[in-house]
Every structure is written in structure tokens, then in C-alpha cells.
Protein backbone atom coordinates (compact mmCIF):
# COMPACT_ATOMS: atom_id res chain seq x y z
CA MET A 1 -68.85 73.37 -21.96
CA LEU A 2 -68.59 70.48 -19.59
CA VAL A 3 -65.76 67.88 -19.73
CA HIS A 4 -66.58 64.37 -18.61
CA ILE A 5 -63.53 62.07 -18.10
CA VAL A 6 -63.86 58.34 -17.24
CA SER A 7 -61.14 55.93 -16.58
CA PHE A 8 -61.76 52.09 -16.69
CA LYS A 9 -59.58 49.40 -15.03
CA TYR A 10 -60.70 45.98 -16.32
CA LYS A 11 -60.91 42.81 -14.15
CA PRO A 12 -57.66 40.73 -14.76
CA ALA A 13 -59.71 37.95 -16.44
CA VAL A 14 -61.21 40.28 -19.05
CA ASP A 15 -59.48 39.48 -22.30
CA GLU A 16 -58.41 41.81 -25.15
CA ALA A 17 -61.44 41.04 -27.29
CA VAL A 18 -63.86 42.28 -24.51
CA ARG A 19 -61.68 45.35 -23.95
CA THR A 20 -61.77 46.17 -27.64
CA GLN A 21 -65.52 45.62 -27.78
CA HIS A 22 -65.99 48.00 -24.70
CA ARG A 23 -63.93 50.66 -26.52
CA GLU A 24 -65.99 50.26 -29.68
CA ARG A 25 -69.25 50.53 -27.71
CA LEU A 26 -67.97 53.71 -26.07
CA ARG A 27 -67.01 55.25 -29.45
CA ALA A 28 -70.53 54.41 -30.82
CA LEU A 29 -72.04 56.82 -28.24
CA LYS A 30 -70.59 59.79 -30.20
CA GLY A 31 -73.87 60.55 -31.92
CA ILE A 32 -75.96 61.18 -28.77
CA ASP A 33 -77.47 64.63 -28.59
CA GLY A 34 -75.46 67.14 -26.53
CA ILE A 35 -72.09 65.55 -27.14
CA VAL A 36 -69.70 68.04 -28.83
CA ASP A 37 -66.74 65.64 -28.99
CA LEU A 38 -65.92 62.18 -27.76
CA LYS A 39 -62.59 60.35 -27.51
CA VAL A 40 -61.71 56.89 -26.37
CA GLY A 41 -58.29 55.30 -26.14
CA GLU A 42 -56.27 52.43 -24.70
CA ASP A 43 -53.61 53.34 -22.11
CA LEU A 44 -50.10 53.26 -23.61
CA VAL A 45 -47.89 53.76 -20.50
CA ARG A 46 -49.16 50.92 -18.46
CA SER A 47 -47.68 52.15 -15.18
CA SER A 48 -48.82 50.76 -11.79
CA ARG A 49 -51.22 53.73 -11.53
CA SER A 50 -52.52 53.60 -15.10
CA TYR A 51 -56.19 52.58 -15.96
CA ASP A 52 -56.78 50.53 -19.13
CA THR A 53 -59.14 52.73 -21.11
CA GLY A 54 -59.84 56.51 -20.98
CA LEU A 55 -63.01 58.23 -22.16
CA VAL A 56 -63.17 62.03 -22.68
CA ILE A 57 -66.50 63.59 -23.70
CA LEU A 58 -67.22 67.32 -24.15
CA PHE A 59 -70.81 68.19 -23.56
CA ALA A 60 -72.58 71.41 -24.46
CA ASP A 61 -73.64 71.88 -20.90
CA ARG A 62 -74.49 70.04 -17.66
CA ALA A 63 -78.02 69.37 -18.89
CA ALA A 64 -76.52 67.40 -21.77
CA LEU A 65 -74.45 65.29 -19.42
CA GLU A 66 -77.50 64.52 -17.30
CA SER A 67 -79.50 63.66 -20.43
CA TYR A 68 -76.67 61.35 -21.63
CA GLN A 69 -76.56 59.54 -18.38
CA LYS A 70 -80.21 58.41 -18.79
CA ASN A 71 -80.00 57.84 -22.57
CA PRO A 72 -81.05 54.34 -23.56
CA ARG A 73 -78.06 54.07 -25.78
CA HIS A 74 -75.64 54.86 -22.93
CA ILE A 75 -77.17 52.66 -20.13
CA PRO A 76 -76.19 49.21 -21.62
CA VAL A 77 -72.67 50.50 -22.40
CA ALA A 78 -72.30 51.70 -18.88
CA GLN A 79 -73.57 48.36 -17.52
CA PHE A 80 -71.10 46.46 -19.84
CA GLY A 81 -68.32 48.55 -18.25
CA VAL A 82 -69.45 47.91 -14.72
CA THR A 83 -69.61 44.15 -15.35
CA ASN A 84 -66.07 44.03 -16.78
CA CYS A 85 -64.29 46.60 -14.58
CA GLU A 86 -62.81 46.34 -11.16
CA SER A 87 -62.61 50.12 -10.94
CA ILE A 88 -64.28 53.07 -12.74
CA VAL A 89 -63.41 56.66 -11.87
CA ALA A 90 -64.83 59.90 -13.26
CA VAL A 91 -64.43 63.63 -13.04
CA ASP A 92 -66.60 66.37 -14.55
CA PHE A 93 -65.69 70.00 -14.82
CA GLU A 94 -66.67 73.06 -16.69
CA SER A 95 -64.28 74.42 -19.34
CA ALA A 96 -64.38 77.63 -21.42
């Protein structure tokens, strides 16, 4: 299994409606082939080091992640995130 974690920090001018829309778009990716599990959530702690939204996806393998990254359903959601975020960070690792 491969774990894909992404954290999004929105631009200050991005309102709550756009943030909610982004999270909904992320959740809608769940049905893409190769995704074993997908979770999206809003940060609750709101510390100085917190990001606003977290995404955790469990993929069957690395090939599934690579396919997801090129998937036509994923690409516009990724672009929406880039447009509305000042920072996006990710980590991918294998898990038993």
C-alpha cells in the first residue's frame, strides 16, 4: 500500500465557501481506480504551523498513485487547489 498525504494552506482572501467547495471536490475523487481509501478534513487546531485542509489517500500501489496524478478527474481538482492555495505540501510512503 502507498499512503499519499497532502496539506493545503489557502490564500488569506479565499473564503469559507471556496474552502468547502475544494474539500467537496477532493472527496469526489474517492471513486478513482486504485484508491483504497480517501479522507479529507478541515484543520481543527488552527495553530501557527497548521494547514487548513488535509487529504489522506491510501493507494493499492505506486502505479495507482501515478495513474491518479494523470487522471482527468484529478487534474482540475489539483488546479483548483493550486489556484486557491499559498502552499501545498505532500508526502508519499509505503505502508504495510
